[in-house]
């Protein structure tokens, strides 16, 4: 079931949406918390690589470069943050993960943009300019992470509570 959720979140990238406002970050946190550790990294990265290839080459008619590796590392960082939710999901841990995941992505991916896209000067001021320009996207990713992670983790807990209750009722 968790694999399907991650797959559906990645497929949602093909639906028109506000930039950086999609279920991907929430699903990566959810996958980090609930998939086997090894699978929580490779599975979403394979899906995201495939979707990036299709989006970049076939839809936007651009080419994928080395920056794709930086992008994938940024996505992996969200999954790694999701690992912090494995022992137990509390409001504090959940809130931390919903801020730390998008923040890690923002820091890693925008550093890659500054380093490799030659859009900003290769100076400290250029790096700052790159991060400042990405603040609106960061805000969208924070909002979408809280929303979609909240839905995914909430529905999972409801399912689990109902399933455990039904199993206990049948065994009584």
N, C-alpha and C. Protein backbone atom coordinates (compact mmCIF):
# COMPACT_ATOMS: atom_id res chain seq x y z
N UNK A 1 0.82 -1.19 0.00
CA UNK A 1 0.00 0.00 0.00
C UNK A 1 0.87 1.27 0.00
N UNK A 2 1.95 1.26 0.80
CA UNK A 2 2.82 2.44 0.87
C UNK A 2 3.51 2.66 -0.47
N UNK A 3 3.88 1.57 -1.15
CA UNK A 3 4.51 1.68 -2.47
C UNK A 3 3.55 2.36 -3.45
N UNK A 4 2.29 2.00 -3.38
CA UNK A 4 1.28 2.59 -4.26
C UNK A 4 1.12 4.09 -3.98
N UNK A 5 1.15 4.46 -2.72
CA UNK A 5 1.02 5.87 -2.35
C UNK A 5 2.17 6.68 -2.92
N UNK A 6 3.39 6.16 -2.81
CA UNK A 6 4.55 6.86 -3.36
C UNK A 6 4.43 6.96 -4.88
N UNK A 7 4.02 5.88 -5.52
CA UNK A 7 3.84 5.88 -6.98
C UNK A 7 2.80 6.93 -7.39
N UNK A 8 1.67 6.96 -6.72
CA UNK A 8 0.62 7.93 -7.06
C UNK A 8 1.09 9.37 -6.84
N UNK A 9 1.87 9.59 -5.78
CA UNK A 9 2.39 10.93 -5.52
C UNK A 9 3.33 11.38 -6.65
N UNK A 10 4.17 10.48 -7.12
CA UNK A 10 5.08 10.82 -8.22
C UNK A 10 4.28 11.07 -9.50
N UNK A 11 3.28 10.26 -9.75
CA UNK A 11 2.44 10.48 -10.94
C UNK A 11 1.70 11.81 -10.89
N UNK A 12 1.44 12.30 -9.68
CA UNK A 12 0.76 13.58 -9.53
C UNK A 12 1.60 14.73 -10.07
N UNK A 13 2.89 14.51 -10.29
CA UNK A 13 3.74 15.54 -10.89
C UNK A 13 3.29 15.89 -12.31
N UNK A 14 2.55 14.98 -12.93
CA UNK A 14 2.08 15.19 -14.30
C UNK A 14 0.77 15.97 -14.36
N UNK A 15 0.15 16.18 -13.23
CA UNK A 15 -1.09 16.95 -13.16
C UNK A 15 -0.71 18.41 -12.94
N UNK A 16 -1.31 19.34 -13.68
CA UNK A 16 -0.97 20.75 -13.47
C UNK A 16 -1.18 21.14 -12.00
N UNK A 17 -0.19 21.84 -11.46
CA UNK A 17 -0.26 22.26 -10.06
C UNK A 17 0.61 23.49 -9.85
N UNK A 18 0.43 24.13 -8.73
CA UNK A 18 1.29 25.25 -8.34
C UNK A 18 2.70 24.70 -8.19
N UNK A 19 3.71 25.40 -8.68
CA UNK A 19 5.09 24.89 -8.56
C UNK A 19 5.43 24.53 -7.10
N UNK A 20 5.99 23.37 -6.93
CA UNK A 20 6.41 22.84 -5.63
C UNK A 20 5.25 22.57 -4.67
N UNK A 21 4.04 22.52 -5.17
CA UNK A 21 2.89 22.18 -4.33
C UNK A 21 2.28 20.89 -4.87
N UNK A 22 2.84 19.78 -4.41
CA UNK A 22 2.38 18.47 -4.84
C UNK A 22 2.53 17.51 -3.67
N UNK A 23 2.00 16.30 -3.79
CA UNK A 23 2.10 15.34 -2.69
C UNK A 23 3.47 14.65 -2.58
N UNK A 24 4.42 14.99 -3.42
CA UNK A 24 5.69 14.26 -3.45
C UNK A 24 6.42 14.33 -2.11
N UNK A 25 6.60 15.50 -1.55
CA UNK A 25 7.38 15.61 -0.30
C UNK A 25 6.69 14.84 0.83
N UNK A 26 5.37 14.99 0.93
CA UNK A 26 4.63 14.26 1.97
C UNK A 26 4.75 12.76 1.79
N UNK A 27 4.70 12.30 0.53
CA UNK A 27 4.83 10.87 0.26
C UNK A 27 6.24 10.38 0.55
N UNK A 28 7.26 11.22 0.30
CA UNK A 28 8.62 10.82 0.62
C UNK A 28 8.82 10.68 2.13
N UNK A 29 8.24 11.59 2.90
CA UNK A 29 8.29 11.45 4.36
C UNK A 29 7.57 10.19 4.80
N UNK A 30 6.39 9.97 4.23
CA UNK A 30 5.59 8.79 4.56
C UNK A 30 6.35 7.50 4.19
N UNK A 31 6.93 7.49 3.00
CA UNK A 31 7.72 6.32 2.58
C UNK A 31 8.93 6.11 3.47
N UNK A 32 9.60 7.20 3.86
CA UNK A 32 10.74 7.09 4.76
C UNK A 32 10.35 6.49 6.10
N UNK A 33 9.14 6.79 6.53
CA UNK A 33 8.66 6.28 7.82
C UNK A 33 8.16 4.85 7.74
N UNK A 34 7.62 4.44 6.57
CA UNK A 34 6.91 3.16 6.52
C UNK A 34 7.45 2.10 5.55
N UNK A 35 8.27 2.48 4.59
CA UNK A 35 8.87 1.47 3.71
C UNK A 35 10.10 0.88 4.39
N UNK A 36 10.53 -0.29 3.91
CA UNK A 36 11.81 -0.80 4.39
C UNK A 36 12.86 0.25 4.07
N UNK A 37 13.85 0.41 4.96
CA UNK A 37 14.81 1.50 4.80
C UNK A 37 15.43 1.54 3.41
N UNK A 38 15.92 0.42 2.94
CA UNK A 38 16.57 0.38 1.62
C UNK A 38 15.59 0.78 0.53
N UNK A 39 14.38 0.24 0.60
CA UNK A 39 13.36 0.54 -0.41
C UNK A 39 12.93 2.01 -0.35
N UNK A 40 12.98 2.60 0.83
CA UNK A 40 12.53 3.98 0.97
C UNK A 40 13.42 4.96 0.21
N UNK A 41 14.63 4.53 -0.12
CA UNK A 41 15.53 5.38 -0.90
C UNK A 41 15.42 5.05 -2.39
N UNK A 42 15.68 3.81 -2.76
CA UNK A 42 15.78 3.49 -4.19
C UNK A 42 14.42 3.57 -4.90
N UNK A 43 13.36 3.11 -4.25
CA UNK A 43 12.06 3.05 -4.94
C UNK A 43 11.58 4.44 -5.40
N UNK A 44 11.49 5.43 -4.49
CA UNK A 44 11.05 6.74 -4.97
C UNK A 44 12.04 7.40 -5.93
N UNK A 45 13.34 7.14 -5.74
CA UNK A 45 14.33 7.76 -6.62
C UNK A 45 14.23 7.22 -8.05
N UNK A 46 13.94 5.94 -8.19
CA UNK A 46 13.74 5.37 -9.53
C UNK A 46 12.50 6.01 -10.17
N UNK A 47 11.42 6.10 -9.40
CA UNK A 47 10.19 6.71 -9.93
C UNK A 47 10.40 8.19 -10.28
N UNK A 48 11.08 8.91 -9.40
CA UNK A 48 11.32 10.33 -9.65
C UNK A 48 12.25 10.53 -10.84
N UNK A 49 13.26 9.67 -10.98
CA UNK A 49 14.16 9.74 -12.15
C UNK A 49 13.39 9.53 -13.44
N UNK A 50 12.54 8.52 -13.44
CA UNK A 50 11.75 8.23 -14.65
C UNK A 50 10.81 9.39 -14.96
N UNK A 51 10.15 9.93 -13.93
CA UNK A 51 9.23 11.05 -14.18
C UNK A 51 10.00 12.30 -14.60
N UNK A 52 11.18 12.53 -14.03
CA UNK A 52 12.00 13.67 -14.46
C UNK A 52 12.42 13.52 -15.92
N UNK A 53 12.77 12.30 -16.31
CA UNK A 53 13.16 12.07 -17.70
C UNK A 53 12.00 12.41 -18.63
N UNK A 54 10.81 11.92 -18.31
CA UNK A 54 9.65 12.18 -19.16
C UNK A 54 9.30 13.67 -19.15
N UNK A 55 9.23 14.27 -17.96
CA UNK A 55 8.87 15.68 -17.88
C UNK A 55 9.90 16.56 -18.60
N UNK A 56 11.17 16.34 -18.32
CA UNK A 56 12.21 17.20 -18.89
C UNK A 56 12.37 17.00 -20.39
N UNK A 57 12.52 15.76 -20.83
CA UNK A 57 12.80 15.50 -22.24
C UNK A 57 11.57 15.54 -23.14
N UNK A 58 10.49 14.97 -22.69
CA UNK A 58 9.34 14.82 -23.57
C UNK A 58 8.31 15.93 -23.45
N UNK A 59 8.16 16.49 -22.28
CA UNK A 59 7.15 17.52 -22.09
C UNK A 59 7.74 18.92 -22.21
N UNK A 60 8.86 19.17 -21.49
CA UNK A 60 9.47 20.50 -21.54
C UNK A 60 10.51 20.64 -22.66
N UNK A 61 10.84 19.56 -23.33
CA UNK A 61 11.80 19.54 -24.43
C UNK A 61 13.14 20.15 -24.05
N UNK A 62 13.61 19.76 -22.88
CA UNK A 62 14.93 20.16 -22.40
C UNK A 62 15.74 18.88 -22.25
N UNK A 63 16.95 18.99 -21.77
CA UNK A 63 17.72 17.77 -21.54
C UNK A 63 18.15 17.69 -20.08
N UNK A 64 18.23 16.47 -19.61
CA UNK A 64 18.65 16.24 -18.23
C UNK A 64 20.17 16.31 -18.19
N UNK A 65 20.68 16.98 -17.20
CA UNK A 65 22.13 17.09 -17.03
C UNK A 65 22.55 16.55 -15.68
N UNK A 66 23.76 16.90 -15.30
CA UNK A 66 24.30 16.42 -14.03
C UNK A 66 23.48 16.95 -12.85
N UNK A 67 22.77 18.04 -13.03
CA UNK A 67 21.97 18.61 -11.94
C UNK A 67 20.89 17.64 -11.48
N UNK A 68 20.54 16.67 -12.32
CA UNK A 68 19.56 15.65 -11.93
C UNK A 68 20.05 14.88 -10.71
N UNK A 69 21.35 14.65 -10.62
CA UNK A 69 21.92 13.94 -9.47
C UNK A 69 21.72 14.75 -8.20
N UNK A 70 21.92 16.05 -8.30
CA UNK A 70 21.70 16.93 -7.15
C UNK A 70 20.23 16.90 -6.75
N UNK A 71 19.35 16.96 -7.73
CA UNK A 71 17.91 16.92 -7.48
C UNK A 71 17.52 15.62 -6.76
N UNK A 72 18.06 14.51 -7.23
CA UNK A 72 17.75 13.21 -6.61
C UNK A 72 18.30 13.14 -5.19
N UNK A 73 19.47 13.71 -4.97
CA UNK A 73 20.02 13.75 -3.60
C UNK A 73 19.11 14.58 -2.70
N UNK A 74 18.56 15.67 -3.25
CA UNK A 74 17.65 16.51 -2.48
C UNK A 74 16.37 15.74 -2.13
N UNK A 75 15.85 14.97 -3.09
CA UNK A 75 14.68 14.13 -2.81
C UNK A 75 15.01 13.07 -1.76
N UNK A 76 16.19 12.45 -1.89
CA UNK A 76 16.59 11.42 -0.92
C UNK A 76 16.68 12.00 0.49
N UNK A 77 17.08 13.26 0.60
CA UNK A 77 17.19 13.87 1.92
C UNK A 77 15.83 13.93 2.62
N UNK A 78 14.77 14.09 1.86
CA UNK A 78 13.43 14.11 2.45
C UNK A 78 13.09 12.74 3.02
N UNK A 79 13.43 11.70 2.27
CA UNK A 79 13.20 10.33 2.76
C UNK A 79 14.00 10.08 4.03
N UNK A 80 15.24 10.52 4.05
CA UNK A 80 16.07 10.34 5.24
C UNK A 80 15.47 11.03 6.45
N UNK A 81 14.90 12.20 6.24
CA UNK A 81 14.19 12.88 7.33
C UNK A 81 13.00 12.04 7.78
N UNK A 82 12.32 11.39 6.84
CA UNK A 82 11.20 10.52 7.17
C UNK A 82 11.59 9.38 8.10
N UNK A 83 12.86 8.98 8.05
CA UNK A 83 13.33 7.93 8.96
C UNK A 83 13.16 8.35 10.42
N UNK A 84 13.20 9.63 10.70
CA UNK A 84 13.04 10.09 12.08
C UNK A 84 11.64 9.79 12.62
N UNK A 85 10.71 9.46 11.73
CA UNK A 85 9.33 9.15 12.15
C UNK A 85 9.12 7.66 12.35
N UNK A 86 10.14 6.86 12.11
CA UNK A 86 10.00 5.40 12.24
C UNK A 86 9.67 4.95 13.66
N UNK A 87 10.40 5.42 14.64
CA UNK A 87 10.12 4.88 15.98
C UNK A 87 8.70 5.19 16.46
N UNK A 88 8.28 6.43 16.20
CA UNK A 88 6.96 6.85 16.66
C UNK A 88 6.65 8.21 16.05
N UNK A 89 5.44 8.36 15.58
CA UNK A 89 5.02 9.65 15.02
C UNK A 89 4.32 10.43 16.13
N UNK A 90 4.95 11.51 16.52
CA UNK A 90 4.34 12.44 17.47
C UNK A 90 4.15 13.77 16.75
N UNK A 91 3.38 14.64 17.31
CA UNK A 91 3.17 15.95 16.69
C UNK A 91 4.49 16.69 16.53
N UNK A 92 5.33 16.60 17.54
CA UNK A 92 6.63 17.29 17.49
C UNK A 92 7.51 16.72 16.38
N UNK A 93 7.62 15.40 16.31
CA UNK A 93 8.44 14.77 15.26
C UNK A 93 7.86 15.03 13.88
N UNK A 94 6.56 14.93 13.77
CA UNK A 94 5.89 15.18 12.49
C UNK A 94 6.15 16.61 12.03
N UNK A 95 5.97 17.57 12.91
CA UNK A 95 6.20 18.98 12.56
C UNK A 95 7.65 19.21 12.17
N UNK A 96 8.57 18.62 12.94
CA UNK A 96 9.99 18.74 12.61
C UNK A 96 10.26 18.19 11.21
N UNK A 97 9.74 17.01 10.91
CA UNK A 97 9.97 16.38 9.61
C UNK A 97 9.37 17.21 8.48
N UNK A 98 8.19 17.79 8.71
CA UNK A 98 7.53 18.60 7.68
C UNK A 98 8.27 19.90 7.40
N UNK A 99 9.10 20.34 8.31
CA UNK A 99 9.94 21.52 8.07
C UNK A 99 11.32 21.08 7.57
N UNK A 100 11.89 20.06 8.20
CA UNK A 100 13.26 19.65 7.85
C UNK A 100 13.35 19.07 6.44
N UNK A 101 12.35 18.30 6.01
CA UNK A 101 12.40 17.70 4.68
C UNK A 101 12.45 18.74 3.57
N UNK A 102 11.48 19.65 3.50
CA UNK A 102 11.53 20.69 2.47
C UNK A 102 12.74 21.62 2.62
N UNK A 103 13.18 21.84 3.85
CA UNK A 103 14.34 22.70 4.06
C UNK A 103 15.60 22.05 3.48
N UNK A 104 15.76 20.76 3.73
CA UNK A 104 16.91 20.04 3.17
C UNK A 104 16.85 20.08 1.64
N UNK A 105 15.66 19.84 1.08
CA UNK A 105 15.51 19.89 -0.37
C UNK A 105 15.86 21.28 -0.90
N UNK A 106 15.35 22.31 -0.27
CA UNK A 106 15.60 23.71 -0.66
C UNK A 106 17.10 24.01 -0.66
N UNK A 107 17.78 23.63 0.43
CA UNK A 107 19.20 23.93 0.54
C UNK A 107 20.03 23.18 -0.49
N UNK A 108 19.76 21.89 -0.67
CA UNK A 108 20.54 21.07 -1.59
C UNK A 108 20.24 21.44 -3.05
N UNK A 109 18.97 21.50 -3.40
CA UNK A 109 18.62 21.73 -4.80
C UNK A 109 19.02 23.13 -5.28
N UNK A 110 18.85 24.13 -4.44
CA UNK A 110 19.23 25.48 -4.86
C UNK A 110 20.73 25.68 -4.89
N UNK A 111 21.45 24.96 -4.05
CA UNK A 111 22.91 24.99 -4.16
C UNK A 111 23.32 24.40 -5.52
N UNK A 112 22.64 23.33 -5.92
CA UNK A 112 22.91 22.73 -7.24
C UNK A 112 22.58 23.68 -8.38
N UNK A 113 21.49 24.41 -8.25
CA UNK A 113 21.12 25.39 -9.28
C UNK A 113 22.21 26.45 -9.38
N UNK A 114 22.64 26.97 -8.25
CA UNK A 114 23.67 28.00 -8.23
C UNK A 114 24.99 27.46 -8.80
N UNK A 115 25.32 26.25 -8.44
CA UNK A 115 26.59 25.67 -8.85
C UNK A 115 26.64 25.32 -10.32
N UNK A 116 25.54 24.82 -10.87
CA UNK A 116 25.62 24.25 -12.20
C UNK A 116 24.84 24.91 -13.31
N UNK A 117 23.88 25.74 -12.99
CA UNK A 117 23.04 26.28 -14.06
C UNK A 117 23.57 27.59 -14.62
N UNK A 118 24.52 28.19 -13.97
CA UNK A 118 25.12 29.45 -14.43
C UNK A 118 24.09 30.56 -14.60
N UNK A 119 23.02 30.47 -13.83
CA UNK A 119 21.98 31.50 -13.84
C UNK A 119 22.38 32.64 -12.91
N UNK A 120 23.13 32.30 -11.87
CA UNK A 120 23.55 33.27 -10.87
C UNK A 120 25.08 33.34 -10.86
N UNK A 121 25.63 34.50 -10.52
CA UNK A 121 27.09 34.62 -10.50
C UNK A 121 27.71 33.65 -9.49
N UNK A 122 28.90 33.12 -9.78
CA UNK A 122 29.55 32.17 -8.88
C UNK A 122 30.24 32.88 -7.70
N UNK A 123 29.44 33.66 -7.00
CA UNK A 123 29.92 34.41 -5.84
C UNK A 123 28.98 34.17 -4.67
N UNK A 124 29.41 34.62 -3.50
CA UNK A 124 28.55 34.52 -2.33
C UNK A 124 27.23 35.26 -2.58
N UNK A 125 27.31 36.43 -3.18
CA UNK A 125 26.10 37.21 -3.48
C UNK A 125 25.20 36.45 -4.46
N UNK A 126 25.80 35.75 -5.42
CA UNK A 126 25.02 34.95 -6.36
C UNK A 126 24.30 33.81 -5.68
N UNK A 127 24.98 33.17 -4.71
CA UNK A 127 24.36 32.08 -3.96
C UNK A 127 23.18 32.60 -3.14
N UNK A 128 23.38 33.73 -2.49
CA UNK A 128 22.30 34.33 -1.70
C UNK A 128 21.14 34.70 -2.62
N UNK A 129 21.45 35.27 -3.77
CA UNK A 129 20.41 35.65 -4.74
C UNK A 129 19.61 34.41 -5.18
N UNK A 130 20.30 33.30 -5.39
CA UNK A 130 19.64 32.05 -5.79
C UNK A 130 18.68 31.58 -4.70
N UNK A 131 19.14 31.58 -3.45
CA UNK A 131 18.27 31.14 -2.36
C UNK A 131 17.09 32.09 -2.17
N UNK A 132 17.32 33.38 -2.29
CA UNK A 132 16.24 34.35 -2.12
C UNK A 132 15.18 34.17 -3.21
N UNK A 133 15.64 33.95 -4.44
CA UNK A 133 14.70 33.76 -5.56
C UNK A 133 13.82 32.54 -5.37
N UNK A 134 14.30 31.55 -4.61
CA UNK A 134 13.56 30.30 -4.43
C UNK A 134 12.64 30.31 -3.21
N UNK A 135 12.62 31.39 -2.45
CA UNK A 135 11.80 31.43 -1.23
C UNK A 135 10.31 31.14 -1.52
N UNK A 136 9.69 31.71 -2.56
CA UNK A 136 8.28 31.37 -2.79
C UNK A 136 8.06 29.87 -3.01
N UNK A 137 8.96 29.23 -3.74
CA UNK A 137 8.84 27.79 -3.98
C UNK A 137 9.00 27.02 -2.68
N UNK A 138 9.89 27.49 -1.83
CA UNK A 138 10.10 26.87 -0.51
C UNK A 138 8.82 26.96 0.31
N UNK A 139 8.16 28.10 0.27
CA UNK A 139 6.89 28.26 0.99
C UNK A 139 5.84 27.28 0.51
N UNK A 140 5.74 27.11 -0.81
CA UNK A 140 4.78 26.15 -1.37
C UNK A 140 5.12 24.73 -0.92
N UNK A 141 6.40 24.40 -0.91
CA UNK A 141 6.77 23.03 -0.52
C UNK A 141 6.50 22.79 0.97
N UNK A 142 6.70 23.81 1.80
CA UNK A 142 6.34 23.65 3.22
C UNK A 142 4.85 23.41 3.38
N UNK A 143 4.05 24.22 2.74
CA UNK A 143 2.59 24.08 2.84
C UNK A 143 2.11 22.74 2.33
N UNK A 144 2.62 22.33 1.17
CA UNK A 144 2.17 21.05 0.60
C UNK A 144 2.64 19.87 1.44
N UNK A 145 3.81 19.99 2.04
CA UNK A 145 4.30 18.89 2.87
C UNK A 145 3.41 18.71 4.09
N UNK A 146 3.10 19.80 4.77
CA UNK A 146 2.21 19.69 5.93
C UNK A 146 0.85 19.12 5.52
N UNK A 147 0.31 19.62 4.42
CA UNK A 147 -1.01 19.16 3.97
C UNK A 147 -1.00 17.68 3.59
N UNK A 148 -0.14 17.30 2.65
CA UNK A 148 -0.17 15.93 2.13
C UNK A 148 0.39 14.92 3.13
N UNK A 149 1.42 15.29 3.87
CA UNK A 149 1.92 14.38 4.90
C UNK A 149 0.85 14.20 5.98
N UNK A 150 0.17 15.28 6.32
CA UNK A 150 -0.91 15.18 7.31
C UNK A 150 -2.00 14.23 6.86
N UNK A 151 -2.38 14.35 5.60
CA UNK A 151 -3.41 13.46 5.06
C UNK A 151 -2.91 12.01 5.05
N UNK A 152 -1.70 11.79 4.55
CA UNK A 152 -1.18 10.41 4.45
C UNK A 152 -1.00 9.76 5.81
N UNK A 153 -0.35 10.46 6.72
CA UNK A 153 -0.12 9.89 8.05
C UNK A 153 -1.44 9.75 8.81
N UNK A 154 -2.32 10.73 8.66
CA UNK A 154 -3.62 10.66 9.33
C UNK A 154 -4.47 9.49 8.84
N UNK A 155 -4.57 9.34 7.52
CA UNK A 155 -5.34 8.23 6.96
C UNK A 155 -4.73 6.87 7.33
N UNK A 156 -3.41 6.82 7.36
CA UNK A 156 -2.73 5.59 7.74
C UNK A 156 -3.08 5.22 9.18
N UNK A 157 -3.06 6.19 10.07
CA UNK A 157 -3.39 5.91 11.47
C UNK A 157 -4.86 5.52 11.62
N UNK A 158 -5.74 6.16 10.87
CA UNK A 158 -7.16 5.76 10.91
C UNK A 158 -7.33 4.33 10.40
N UNK A 159 -6.67 4.01 9.30
CA UNK A 159 -6.73 2.65 8.74
C UNK A 159 -6.20 1.64 9.76
N UNK A 160 -5.05 1.95 10.34
CA UNK A 160 -4.45 1.05 11.31
C UNK A 160 -5.34 0.84 12.53
N UNK A 161 -5.90 1.92 13.03
CA UNK A 161 -6.78 1.82 14.21
C UNK A 161 -8.01 0.99 13.88
N UNK A 162 -8.58 1.21 12.72
CA UNK A 162 -9.77 0.46 12.32
C UNK A 162 -9.42 -1.01 12.07
N UNK A 163 -8.31 -1.23 11.39
CA UNK A 163 -7.89 -2.60 11.08
C UNK A 163 -7.58 -3.38 12.36
N UNK A 164 -6.86 -2.75 13.29
CA UNK A 164 -6.54 -3.41 14.56
C UNK A 164 -7.82 -3.68 15.33
N UNK A 165 -8.75 -2.73 15.33
CA UNK A 165 -10.03 -2.90 16.03
C UNK A 165 -10.81 -4.07 15.42
N UNK A 166 -10.85 -4.16 14.08
CA UNK A 166 -11.58 -5.25 13.42
C UNK A 166 -10.94 -6.60 13.68
N UNK A 167 -9.60 -6.65 13.70
CA UNK A 167 -8.90 -7.91 13.98
C UNK A 167 -9.17 -8.34 15.41
N UNK A 168 -9.14 -7.38 16.35
CA UNK A 168 -9.41 -7.71 17.75
C UNK A 168 -10.86 -8.17 17.93
N UNK A 169 -11.78 -7.58 17.23
CA UNK A 169 -13.21 -7.95 17.34
C UNK A 169 -13.41 -9.38 16.83
N UNK A 170 -12.69 -9.74 15.75
CA UNK A 170 -12.85 -11.10 15.19
C UNK A 170 -12.23 -12.16 16.08
N UNK A 171 -11.19 -11.81 16.82
CA UNK A 171 -10.52 -12.80 17.66
C UNK A 171 -11.14 -12.92 19.03
N UNK A 172 -12.06 -12.00 19.37
CA UNK A 172 -12.68 -12.04 20.70
C UNK A 172 -13.81 -13.02 20.76
